[in-house]
Amino acid sequence: SQPGKHAMLAAPRLMFLYPELYESCQRLAGISGLDAP
């Protein structure tokens, strides 16, 4: 499970394809507020 974002991947190394892997958990945390269908 990708940290914070929880995308389900076969291996941790694949998470580094996501540009905001670390930023989403810190600087960009919470930016969307309530976001549900």
All heavy atoms as atom14 arrays in JSON, in Angstrom:
{
  "sequence": "SQPGKHAMLAAPRLMFLYPELYESCQRLAGISGLDAP",
  "atom14_mask": [
    [1, 1, 1, 1, 1, 1, 0, 0, 0, 0, 0, 0, 0, 0],
    [1, 1, 1, 1, 1, 1, 1, 1, 1, 0, 0, 0, 0, 0],
    [1, 1, 1, 1, 1, 1, 1, 0, 0, 0, 0, 0, 0, 0],
    [1, 1, 1, 1, 0, 0, 0, 0, 0, 0, 0, 0, 0, 0],
    [1, 1, 1, 1, 1, 1, 1, 1, 1, 0, 0, 0, 0, 0],
    [1, 1, 1, 1, 1, 1, 1, 1, 1, 1, 0, 0, 0, 0],
    [1, 1, 1, 1, 1, 0, 0, 0, 0, 0, 0, 0, 0, 0],
    [1, 1, 1, 1, 1, 1, 1, 1, 0, 0, 0, 0, 0, 0],
    [1, 1, 1, 1, 1, 1, 1, 1, 0, 0, 0, 0, 0, 0],
    [1, 1, 1, 1, 1, 0, 0, 0, 0, 0, 0, 0, 0, 0],
    [1, 1, 1, 1, 1, 0, 0, 0, 0, 0, 0, 0, 0, 0],
    [1, 1, 1, 1, 1, 1, 1, 0, 0, 0, 0, 0, 0, 0],
    [1, 1, 1, 1, 1, 1, 1, 1, 1, 1, 1, 0, 0, 0],
    [1, 1, 1, 1, 1, 1, 1, 1, 0, 0, 0, 0, 0, 0],
    [1, 1, 1, 1, 1, 1, 1, 1, 0, 0, 0, 0, 0, 0],
    [1, 1, 1, 1, 1, 1, 1, 1, 1, 1, 1, 0, 0, 0],
    [1, 1, 1, 1, 1, 1, 1, 1, 0, 0, 0, 0, 0, 0],
    [1, 1, 1, 1, 1, 1, 1, 1, 1, 1, 1, 1, 0, 0],
    [1, 1, 1, 1, 1, 1, 1, 0, 0, 0, 0, 0, 0, 0],
    [1, 1, 1, 1, 1, 1, 1, 1, 1, 0, 0, 0, 0, 0],
    [1, 1, 1, 1, 1, 1, 1, 1, 0, 0, 0, 0, 0, 0],
    [1, 1, 1, 1, 1, 1, 1, 1, 1, 1, 1, 1, 0, 0],
    [1, 1, 1, 1, 1, 1, 1, 1, 1, 0, 0, 0, 0, 0],
    [1, 1, 1, 1, 1, 1, 0, 0, 0, 0, 0, 0, 0, 0],
    [1, 1, 1, 1, 1, 1, 0, 0, 0, 0, 0, 0, 0, 0],
    [1, 1, 1, 1, 1, 1, 1, 1, 1, 0, 0, 0, 0, 0],
    [1, 1, 1, 1, 1, 1, 1, 1, 1, 1, 1, 0, 0, 0],
    [1, 1, 1, 1, 1, 1, 1, 1, 0, 0, 0, 0, 0, 0],
    [1, 1, 1, 1, 1, 0, 0, 0, 0, 0, 0, 0, 0, 0],
    [1, 1, 1, 1, 0, 0, 0, 0, 0, 0, 0, 0, 0, 0],
    [1, 1, 1, 1, 1, 1, 1, 1, 0, 0, 0, 0, 0, 0],
    [1, 1, 1, 1, 1, 1, 0, 0, 0, 0, 0, 0, 0, 0],
    [1, 1, 1, 1, 0, 0, 0, 0, 0, 0, 0, 0, 0, 0],
    [1, 1, 1, 1, 1, 1, 1, 1, 0, 0, 0, 0, 0, 0],
    [1, 1, 1, 1, 1, 1, 1, 1, 0, 0, 0, 0, 0, 0],
    [1, 1, 1, 1, 1, 0, 0, 0, 0, 0, 0, 0, 0, 0],
    [1, 1, 1, 1, 1, 1, 1, 0, 0, 0, 0, 0, 0, 0]
  ],
  "atom14_positions": [
    [[0.84, -1.19, 0.0], [0.0, 0.0, 0.0], [0.88, 1.25, 0.0], [1.71, 1.43, 0.89], [-0.91, -0.02, 1.23], [-1.65, 1.16, 1.35], [0.0, 0.0, 0.0], [0.0, 0.0, 0.0], [0.0, 0.0, 0.0], [0.0, 0.0, 0.0], [0.0, 0.0, 0.0], [0.0, 0.0, 0.0], [0.0, 0.0, 0.0], [0.0, 0.0, 0.0]],
    [[0.7, 2.12, -1.0], [1.5, 3.34, -1.07], [1.26, 4.19, 0.17], [0.11, 4.45, 0.54], [1.12, 4.15, -2.32], [1.91, 5.44, -2.46], [1.47, 6.24, -3.66], [1.02, 5.69, -4.66], [1.58, 7.56, -3.58], [0.0, 0.0, 0.0], [0.0, 0.0, 0.0], [0.0, 0.0, 0.0], [0.0, 0.0, 0.0], [0.0, 0.0, 0.0]],
    [[2.31, 4.64, 0.83], [2.16, 5.44, 2.05], [1.19, 6.61, 1.86], [1.32, 7.39, 0.9], [3.58, 5.94, 2.33], [4.45, 4.88, 1.74], [3.74, 4.44, 0.49], [0.0, 0.0, 0.0], [0.0, 0.0, 0.0], [0.0, 0.0, 0.0], [0.0, 0.0, 0.0], [0.0, 0.0, 0.0], [0.0, 0.0, 0.0], [0.0, 0.0, 0.0]],
    [[0.22, 6.71, 2.74], [-0.72, 7.82, 2.72], [-1.78, 7.72, 1.65], [-2.96, 7.93, 1.91], [0.0, 0.0, 0.0], [0.0, 0.0, 0.0], [0.0, 0.0, 0.0], [0.0, 0.0, 0.0], [0.0, 0.0, 0.0], [0.0, 0.0, 0.0], [0.0, 0.0, 0.0], [0.0, 0.0, 0.0], [0.0, 0.0, 0.0], [0.0, 0.0, 0.0]],
    [[-1.39, 7.38, 0.41], [-2.31, 7.37, -0.73], [-2.99, 6.01, -0.93], [-4.05, 5.92, -1.52], [-1.57, 7.75, -2.02], [-0.98, 9.16, -2.02], [-2.06, 10.23, -2.04], [-2.83, 10.22, -3.36], [-3.92, 11.25, -3.34], [0.0, 0.0, 0.0], [0.0, 0.0, 0.0], [0.0, 0.0, 0.0], [0.0, 0.0, 0.0], [0.0, 0.0, 0.0]],
    [[-2.32, 4.94, -0.51], [-2.88, 3.58, -0.45], [-3.09, 2.88, -1.78], [-3.78, 1.87, -1.84], [-4.18, 3.58, 0.37], [-4.05, 4.31, 1.66], [-4.91, 5.29, 2.06], [-3.09, 4.23, 2.61], [-4.53, 5.79, 3.22], [-3.42, 5.17, 3.58], [0.0, 0.0, 0.0], [0.0, 0.0, 0.0], [0.0, 0.0, 0.0], [0.0, 0.0, 0.0]],
    [[-2.53, 3.39, -2.89], [-2.56, 2.64, -4.13], [-1.96, 1.26, -3.86], [-1.0, 1.13, -3.1], [-1.75, 3.36, -5.21], [0.0, 0.0, 0.0], [0.0, 0.0, 0.0], [0.0, 0.0, 0.0], [0.0, 0.0, 0.0], [0.0, 0.0, 0.0], [0.0, 0.0, 0.0], [0.0, 0.0, 0.0], [0.0, 0.0, 0.0], [0.0, 0.0, 0.0]],
    [[-2.53, 0.22, -4.46], [-2.12, -1.15, -4.2], [-1.17, -1.64, -5.29], [-1.55, -1.76, -6.46], [-3.34, -2.06, -4.11], [-4.27, -1.73, -2.94], [-3.46, -2.07, -1.34], [-4.83, -1.73, -0.22], [0.0, 0.0, 0.0], [0.0, 0.0, 0.0], [0.0, 0.0, 0.0], [0.0, 0.0, 0.0], [0.0, 0.0, 0.0], [0.0, 0.0, 0.0]],
    [[0.08, -1.93, -4.9], [1.13, -2.25, -5.87], [1.84, -3.55, -5.55], [1.89, -3.98, -4.39], [2.13, -1.1, -5.92], [1.56, 0.22, -6.47], [2.39, 1.4, -6.0], [1.49, 0.17, -7.98], [0.0, 0.0, 0.0], [0.0, 0.0, 0.0], [0.0, 0.0, 0.0], [0.0, 0.0, 0.0], [0.0, 0.0, 0.0], [0.0, 0.0, 0.0]],
    [[2.42, -4.13, -6.57], [3.08, -5.43, -6.43], [4.42, -5.35, -5.72], [4.9, -6.34, -5.18], [3.26, -6.07, -7.8], [0.0, 0.0, 0.0], [0.0, 0.0, 0.0], [0.0, 0.0, 0.0], [0.0, 0.0, 0.0], [0.0, 0.0, 0.0], [0.0, 0.0, 0.0], [0.0, 0.0, 0.0], [0.0, 0.0, 0.0], [0.0, 0.0, 0.0]],
    [[5.04, -4.16, -5.71], [6.36, -4.01, -5.1], [6.58, -2.55, -4.7], [6.14, -1.64, -5.41], [7.45, -4.44, -6.08], [0.0, 0.0, 0.0], [0.0, 0.0, 0.0], [0.0, 0.0, 0.0], [0.0, 0.0, 0.0], [0.0, 0.0, 0.0], [0.0, 0.0, 0.0], [0.0, 0.0, 0.0], [0.0, 0.0, 0.0], [0.0, 0.0, 0.0]],
    [[7.26, -2.3, -3.57], [7.49, -0.93, -3.12], [8.22, -0.07, -4.15], [7.97, 1.13, -4.23], [8.33, -1.12, -1.86], [7.92, -2.46, -1.34], [7.72, -3.29, -2.58], [0.0, 0.0, 0.0], [0.0, 0.0, 0.0], [0.0, 0.0, 0.0], [0.0, 0.0, 0.0], [0.0, 0.0, 0.0], [0.0, 0.0, 0.0], [0.0, 0.0, 0.0]],
    [[9.1, -0.64, -4.94], [9.88, 0.16, -5.89], [8.98, 0.86, -6.91], [9.34, 1.91, -7.45], [10.91, -0.71, -6.6], [10.37, -1.76, -7.53], [11.49, -2.59, -8.15], [11.01, -3.58, -9.11], [10.62, -4.8, -8.78], [10.64, -5.19, -7.51], [10.21, -5.66, -9.7], [0.0, 0.0, 0.0], [0.0, 0.0, 0.0], [0.0, 0.0, 0.0]],
    [[7.81, 0.28, -7.18], [6.9, 0.89, -8.14], [6.32, 2.2, -7.63], [5.87, 3.04, -8.41], [5.76, -0.08, -8.47], [6.17, -1.42, -9.11], [4.95, -2.3, -9.29], [6.86, -1.17, -10.44], [0.0, 0.0, 0.0], [0.0, 0.0, 0.0], [0.0, 0.0, 0.0], [0.0, 0.0, 0.0], [0.0, 0.0, 0.0], [0.0, 0.0, 0.0]],
    [[6.35, 2.4, -6.33], [5.8, 3.63, -5.75], [6.59, 4.86, -6.18], [6.04, 5.97, -6.21], [5.77, 3.53, -4.23], [4.85, 2.43, -3.73], [4.96, 2.2, -1.95], [4.02, 0.67, -1.78], [0.0, 0.0, 0.0], [0.0, 0.0, 0.0], [0.0, 0.0, 0.0], [0.0, 0.0, 0.0], [0.0, 0.0, 0.0], [0.0, 0.0, 0.0]],
    [[7.84, 4.68, -6.51], [8.68, 5.82, -6.9], [8.32, 6.36, -8.28], [8.83, 7.41, -8.69], [10.15, 5.43, -6.82], [10.63, 5.26, -5.4], [10.62, 4.0, -4.81], [11.05, 6.35, -4.65], [11.04, 3.83, -3.49], [11.48, 6.19, -3.34], [11.47, 4.93, -2.75], [0.0, 0.0, 0.0], [0.0, 0.0, 0.0], [0.0, 0.0, 0.0]],
    [[7.42, 5.69, -8.99], [6.92, 6.22, -10.25], [5.97, 7.39, -10.0], [5.72, 8.2, -10.9], [6.17, 5.12, -11.03], [7.03, 3.96, -11.53], [6.13, 2.87, -12.1], [8.02, 4.44, -12.59], [0.0, 0.0, 0.0], [0.0, 0.0, 0.0], [0.0, 0.0, 0.0], [0.0, 0.0, 0.0], [0.0, 0.0, 0.0], [0.0, 0.0, 0.0]],
    [[5.45, 7.49, -8.79], [4.51, 8.55, -8.45], [5.29, 9.8, -8.06], [6.04, 9.79, -7.08], [3.62, 8.09, -7.29], [2.46, 9.0, -6.99], [1.39, 9.11, -7.88], [2.41, 9.75, -5.82], [0.32, 9.94, -7.62], [1.33, 10.59, -5.55], [0.29, 10.67, -6.45], [-0.78, 11.49, -6.19], [0.0, 0.0, 0.0], [0.0, 0.0, 0.0]],
    [[5.16, 10.9, -8.81], [6.01, 12.08, -8.59], [5.92, 12.7, -7.2], [6.89, 13.28, -6.73], [5.5, 13.08, -9.66], [4.88, 12.22, -10.71], [4.27, 11.07, -9.96], [0.0, 0.0, 0.0], [0.0, 0.0, 0.0], [0.0, 0.0, 0.0], [0.0, 0.0, 0.0], [0.0, 0.0, 0.0], [0.0, 0.0, 0.0], [0.0, 0.0, 0.0]],
    [[4.75, 12.58, -6.56], [4.55, 13.24, -5.27], [4.52, 12.22, -4.12], [3.81, 12.4, -3.13], [3.26, 14.06, -5.3], [3.34, 15.19, -6.33], [2.0, 15.86, -6.58], [0.96, 15.32, -6.13], [1.98, 16.93, -7.21], [0.0, 0.0, 0.0], [0.0, 0.0, 0.0], [0.0, 0.0, 0.0], [0.0, 0.0, 0.0], [0.0, 0.0, 0.0]],
    [[5.32, 11.18, -4.25], [5.35, 10.12, -3.24], [5.53, 10.66, -1.83], [4.79, 10.3, -0.91], [6.47, 9.13, -3.57], [6.69, 7.99, -2.57], [5.46, 7.12, -2.43], [7.89, 7.14, -3.01], [0.0, 0.0, 0.0], [0.0, 0.0, 0.0], [0.0, 0.0, 0.0], [0.0, 0.0, 0.0], [0.0, 0.0, 0.0], [0.0, 0.0, 0.0]],
    [[6.49, 11.55, -1.64], [6.75, 12.12, -0.32], [5.96, 13.41, -0.1], [5.44, 13.65, 0.99], [8.24, 12.4, -0.14], [9.07, 11.14, 0.02], [9.71, 10.56, -1.08], [9.2, 10.52, 1.26], [10.46, 9.39, -0.93], [9.95, 9.36, 1.42], [10.58, 8.81, 0.32], [11.31, 7.65, 0.45], [0.0, 0.0, 0.0], [0.0, 0.0, 0.0]],
    [[5.86, 14.24, -1.13], [5.18, 15.53, -0.99], [3.71, 15.38, -0.61], [3.16, 16.19, 0.13], [5.3, 16.32, -2.29], [6.72, 16.77, -2.62], [7.27, 17.72, -1.57], [6.62, 18.74, -1.28], [8.36, 17.43, -1.05], [0.0, 0.0, 0.0], [0.0, 0.0, 0.0], [0.0, 0.0, 0.0], [0.0, 0.0, 0.0], [0.0, 0.0, 0.0]],
    [[3.06, 14.34, -1.14], [1.64, 14.15, -0.83], [1.4, 13.89, 0.65], [0.33, 14.19, 1.17], [1.07, 12.99, -1.66], [1.71, 11.77, -1.33], [0.0, 0.0, 0.0], [0.0, 0.0, 0.0], [0.0, 0.0, 0.0], [0.0, 0.0, 0.0], [0.0, 0.0, 0.0], [0.0, 0.0, 0.0], [0.0, 0.0, 0.0], [0.0, 0.0, 0.0]],
    [[2.41, 13.36, 1.31], [2.28, 13.03, 2.74], [2.67, 14.18, 3.65], [2.51, 14.08, 4.88], [3.13, 11.81, 3.07], [2.6, 10.3, 2.22], [0.0, 0.0, 0.0], [0.0, 0.0, 0.0], [0.0, 0.0, 0.0], [0.0, 0.0, 0.0], [0.0, 0.0, 0.0], [0.0, 0.0, 0.0], [0.0, 0.0, 0.0], [0.0, 0.0, 0.0]],
    [[3.19, 15.25, 3.08], [3.66, 16.38, 3.89], [3.1, 17.7, 3.36], [2.03, 18.14, 3.75], [5.19, 16.39, 3.9], [5.81, 15.1, 4.47], [7.27, 14.96, 4.13], [8.12, 15.63, 4.7], [7.59, 14.08, 3.19], [0.0, 0.0, 0.0], [0.0, 0.0, 0.0], [0.0, 0.0, 0.0], [0.0, 0.0, 0.0], [0.0, 0.0, 0.0]],
    [[3.8, 18.34, 2.45], [3.4, 19.65, 1.95], [2.0, 19.66, 1.34], [1.25, 20.63, 1.47], [4.42, 20.14, 0.91], [4.1, 21.49, 0.29], [5.22, 21.94, -0.64], [5.43, 21.02, -1.74], [4.77, 21.08, -2.9], [3.85, 22.02, -3.09], [5.03, 20.21, -3.87], [0.0, 0.0, 0.0], [0.0, 0.0, 0.0], [0.0, 0.0, 0.0]],
    [[1.62, 18.57, 0.68], [0.34, 18.51, -0.02], [-0.72, 17.72, 0.74], [-1.78, 17.4, 0.19], [0.55, 17.9, -1.41], [1.53, 18.66, -2.32], [1.73, 17.92, -3.62], [1.02, 20.07, -2.59], [0.0, 0.0, 0.0], [0.0, 0.0, 0.0], [0.0, 0.0, 0.0], [0.0, 0.0, 0.0], [0.0, 0.0, 0.0], [0.0, 0.0, 0.0]],
    [[-0.46, 17.42, 1.98], [-1.43, 16.67, 2.78], [-2.73, 17.44, 2.94], [-2.72, 18.64, 3.18], [-0.84, 16.35, 4.15], [0.0, 0.0, 0.0], [0.0, 0.0, 0.0], [0.0, 0.0, 0.0], [0.0, 0.0, 0.0], [0.0, 0.0, 0.0], [0.0, 0.0, 0.0], [0.0, 0.0, 0.0], [0.0, 0.0, 0.0], [0.0, 0.0, 0.0]],
    [[-3.84, 16.76, 2.77], [-5.15, 17.34, 3.03], [-5.71, 18.25, 1.97], [-6.84, 18.75, 2.12], [0.0, 0.0, 0.0], [0.0, 0.0, 0.0], [0.0, 0.0, 0.0], [0.0, 0.0, 0.0], [0.0, 0.0, 0.0], [0.0, 0.0, 0.0], [0.0, 0.0, 0.0], [0.0, 0.0, 0.0], [0.0, 0.0, 0.0], [0.0, 0.0, 0.0]],
    [[-5.0, 18.49, 0.87], [-5.37, 19.57, -0.06], [-6.77, 19.45, -0.66], [-7.35, 20.46, -1.06], [-4.34, 19.7, -1.2], [-4.24, 18.4, -2.0], [-3.0, 20.14, -0.67], [-3.41, 18.54, -3.26], [0.0, 0.0, 0.0], [0.0, 0.0, 0.0], [0.0, 0.0, 0.0], [0.0, 0.0, 0.0], [0.0, 0.0, 0.0], [0.0, 0.0, 0.0]],
    [[-7.33, 18.25, -0.73], [-8.64, 18.09, -1.38], [-9.82, 18.09, -0.41], [-10.97, 18.03, -0.85], [-8.66, 16.79, -2.21], [-7.68, 16.85, -3.23], [0.0, 0.0, 0.0], [0.0, 0.0, 0.0], [0.0, 0.0, 0.0], [0.0, 0.0, 0.0], [0.0, 0.0, 0.0], [0.0, 0.0, 0.0], [0.0, 0.0, 0.0], [0.0, 0.0, 0.0]],
    [[-9.54, 18.14, 0.89], [-10.63, 18.17, 1.85], [-11.53, 16.95, 1.74], [-11.06, 15.82, 1.66], [0.0, 0.0, 0.0], [0.0, 0.0, 0.0], [0.0, 0.0, 0.0], [0.0, 0.0, 0.0], [0.0, 0.0, 0.0], [0.0, 0.0, 0.0], [0.0, 0.0, 0.0], [0.0, 0.0, 0.0], [0.0, 0.0, 0.0], [0.0, 0.0, 0.0]],
    [[-12.85, 17.17, 1.74], [-13.8, 16.07, 1.52], [-13.87, 15.8, 0.03], [-14.24, 16.67, -0.76], [-15.18, 16.44, 2.06], [-16.32, 15.47, 1.71], [-16.04, 14.07, 2.22], [-17.64, 16.0, 2.25], [0.0, 0.0, 0.0], [0.0, 0.0, 0.0], [0.0, 0.0, 0.0], [0.0, 0.0, 0.0], [0.0, 0.0, 0.0], [0.0, 0.0, 0.0]],
    [[-13.5, 14.59, -0.37], [-13.48, 14.24, -1.8], [-14.0, 12.81, -1.94], [-13.24, 11.85, -1.86], [-12.06, 14.37, -2.36], [-12.02, 14.17, -3.86], [-13.1, 14.15, -4.49], [-10.91, 14.04, -4.42], [0.0, 0.0, 0.0], [0.0, 0.0, 0.0], [0.0, 0.0, 0.0], [0.0, 0.0, 0.0], [0.0, 0.0, 0.0], [0.0, 0.0, 0.0]],
    [[-15.31, 12.7, -2.14], [-15.95, 11.39, -2.27], [-16.95, 11.43, -3.42], [-17.46, 12.5, -3.76], [-16.66, 11.02, -0.96], [0.0, 0.0, 0.0], [0.0, 0.0, 0.0], [0.0, 0.0, 0.0], [0.0, 0.0, 0.0], [0.0, 0.0, 0.0], [0.0, 0.0, 0.0], [0.0, 0.0, 0.0], [0.0, 0.0, 0.0], [0.0, 0.0, 0.0]],
    [[-17.24, 10.29, -4.03], [-18.23, 10.26, -5.11], [-19.6, 10.75, -4.63], [-19.98, 10.55, -3.47], [-18.29, 8.76, -5.47], [-16.94, 8.23, -5.07], [-16.6, 8.98, -3.81], [0.0, 0.0, 0.0], [0.0, 0.0, 0.0], [0.0, 0.0, 0.0], [0.0, 0.0, 0.0], [0.0, 0.0, 0.0], [0.0, 0.0, 0.0], [0.0, 0.0, 0.0]]
  ]
}
